[in-house]
Amino acid sequence: MTCTRVLILGIAGFLAMPLAQADASVRIGIGIGVPVYYRPYPYYPYPYPYRVVIAPAPIVVAPPPVVYVQPAPAPVYVQPAPVYVQPAPAPVAVQPTTPIPQSPPGLPPQPVPYR
């Protein structure tokens, strides 16, 4: 029974295929920029959301700290005292006051008396 129903519906669908019309056409229209309805409904424009303006965060710049720097004292230059060198005295020839006794050759030297 179900096979007979499927067969009948299939044949009916096959025979109805030429009766189905495809809608392929070109349409031309005129637009006037406002919505026009066949009933007199009031026109309400699209409600745009409110503008939200967010102020930028304030930038707080603290002044730099004031640092008082004392100037460095002037450098102290120590100049060494001049060293005066006196010239050496002129050499003086010294004459022996006592003659040195000479020992005769072949004998040991004689000691010099101490004064």
Protein backbone atom coordinates (compact mmCIF):
# COMPACT_ATOMS: atom_id res chain seq x y z
CA MET A 1 0.00 0.00 0.00
CA THR A 2 2.78 2.44 0.85
CA CYS A 3 4.60 1.51 -2.29
CA THR A 4 1.49 2.31 -4.33
CA ARG A 5 1.17 5.73 -2.64
CA VAL A 6 4.77 6.60 -3.33
CA LEU A 7 4.39 5.61 -6.95
CA ILE A 8 1.21 7.66 -7.42
CA LEU A 9 2.74 10.74 -5.77
CA GLY A 10 5.88 10.39 -7.88
CA ILE A 11 3.88 10.21 -11.12
CA ALA A 12 1.72 13.19 -10.07
CA GLY A 13 4.82 15.23 -9.29
CA PHE A 14 6.41 14.28 -12.59
CA LEU A 15 3.27 15.33 -14.53
CA ALA A 16 3.02 18.62 -12.58
CA MET A 17 6.55 19.70 -13.44
CA PRO A 18 5.64 21.56 -16.66
CA LEU A 19 3.00 23.50 -14.76
CA ALA A 20 5.54 24.98 -12.31
CA GLN A 21 6.78 28.40 -13.40
CA ALA A 22 10.17 29.78 -12.55
CA ASP A 23 10.23 33.45 -11.67
CA ALA A 24 13.08 34.91 -13.69
CA SER A 25 12.36 38.47 -14.68
CA VAL A 26 13.74 41.98 -14.62
CA ARG A 27 11.98 44.57 -12.57
CA ILE A 28 12.34 48.34 -12.76
CA GLY A 29 11.08 50.61 -10.00
CA ILE A 30 11.18 54.23 -8.95
CA GLY A 31 12.19 55.18 -5.45
CA ILE A 32 11.41 58.58 -3.94
CA GLY A 33 13.54 58.24 -0.80
CA VAL A 34 10.82 58.04 1.84
CA PRO A 35 8.86 55.01 2.82
CA VAL A 36 5.39 55.03 1.32
CA TYR A 37 2.77 52.71 2.73
CA TYR A 38 -0.65 51.88 1.41
CA ARG A 39 -2.06 52.80 4.81
CA PRO A 40 -1.43 56.16 6.44
CA TYR A 41 0.99 54.97 9.06
CA PRO A 42 3.17 57.70 10.56
CA TYR A 43 6.79 57.63 9.55
CA TYR A 44 9.23 57.32 12.41
CA PRO A 45 12.91 57.63 11.56
CA TYR A 46 15.32 55.02 12.77
CA PRO A 47 16.25 55.81 16.37
CA TYR A 48 20.00 56.26 16.34
CA PRO A 49 21.75 55.62 19.62
CA TYR A 50 22.82 58.61 21.62
CA ARG A 51 26.35 59.78 21.13
CA VAL A 52 28.56 59.04 24.06
CA VAL A 53 31.54 61.30 24.43
CA ILE A 54 34.16 60.01 26.80
CA ALA A 55 36.65 62.61 27.88
CA PRO A 56 40.24 61.45 27.92
CA ALA A 57 41.74 60.83 31.29
CA PRO A 58 43.54 63.87 32.64
CA ILE A 59 47.29 63.57 32.52
CA VAL A 60 48.73 64.86 35.74
CA VAL A 61 52.35 65.79 35.37
CA ALA A 62 54.01 66.67 38.63
CA PRO A 63 56.78 69.22 38.41
CA PRO A 64 60.21 67.75 38.86
CA PRO A 65 61.60 67.97 42.38
CA VAL A 66 63.75 70.99 43.03
CA VAL A 67 67.25 69.98 44.01
CA TYR A 68 69.59 72.67 45.22
CA VAL A 69 73.14 71.71 44.45
CA GLN A 70 75.85 73.76 46.05
CA PRO A 71 78.66 74.47 43.71
CA ALA A 72 81.80 72.54 44.42
CA PRO A 73 84.50 74.56 46.12
CA ALA A 74 87.27 75.78 43.91
CA PRO A 75 90.17 73.35 43.83
CA VAL A 76 93.09 74.26 46.03
CA TYR A 77 96.39 74.06 44.28
CA VAL A 78 99.33 73.67 46.65
CA GLN A 79 102.51 75.02 45.20
CA PRO A 80 105.59 73.59 46.86
CA ALA A 81 107.94 76.05 48.45
CA PRO A 82 110.98 76.79 46.32
CA VAL A 83 114.05 74.93 47.37
CA TYR A 84 117.17 77.01 47.10
CA VAL A 85 120.33 75.00 46.66
CA GLN A 86 123.50 76.81 47.47
CA PRO A 87 126.36 76.08 45.21
CA ALA A 88 129.11 73.90 46.61
CA PRO A 89 132.21 75.79 47.74
CA ALA A 90 135.16 75.71 45.47
CA PRO A 91 137.57 72.88 46.24
CA VAL A 92 140.59 73.89 48.27
CA ALA A 93 143.80 72.01 48.06
CA VAL A 94 144.73 70.66 51.50
CA GLN A 95 148.37 70.24 52.36
CA PRO A 96 149.28 67.65 54.90
CA THR A 97 150.51 69.22 58.07
CA THR A 98 152.85 66.43 59.12
CA PRO A 99 154.84 64.38 56.77
CA ILE A 100 154.00 60.68 56.76
CA PRO A 101 157.03 58.69 57.79
CA GLN A 102 158.18 56.36 55.13
CA SER A 103 159.48 52.97 56.04
CA PRO A 104 162.58 51.69 54.33
CA PRO A 105 161.99 49.10 51.65
CA GLY A 106 161.59 45.55 52.84
CA LEU A 107 160.27 46.48 56.30
CA PRO A 108 156.59 46.42 57.33
CA PRO A 109 154.88 49.82 57.33
CA GLN A 110 155.09 51.86 60.50
CA PRO A 111 151.83 52.85 62.27
CA VAL A 112 150.92 56.49 62.07
CA PRO A 113 150.70 58.16 65.49
CA TYR A 114 147.21 59.36 66.36
CA ARG A 115 146.88 62.83 67.68
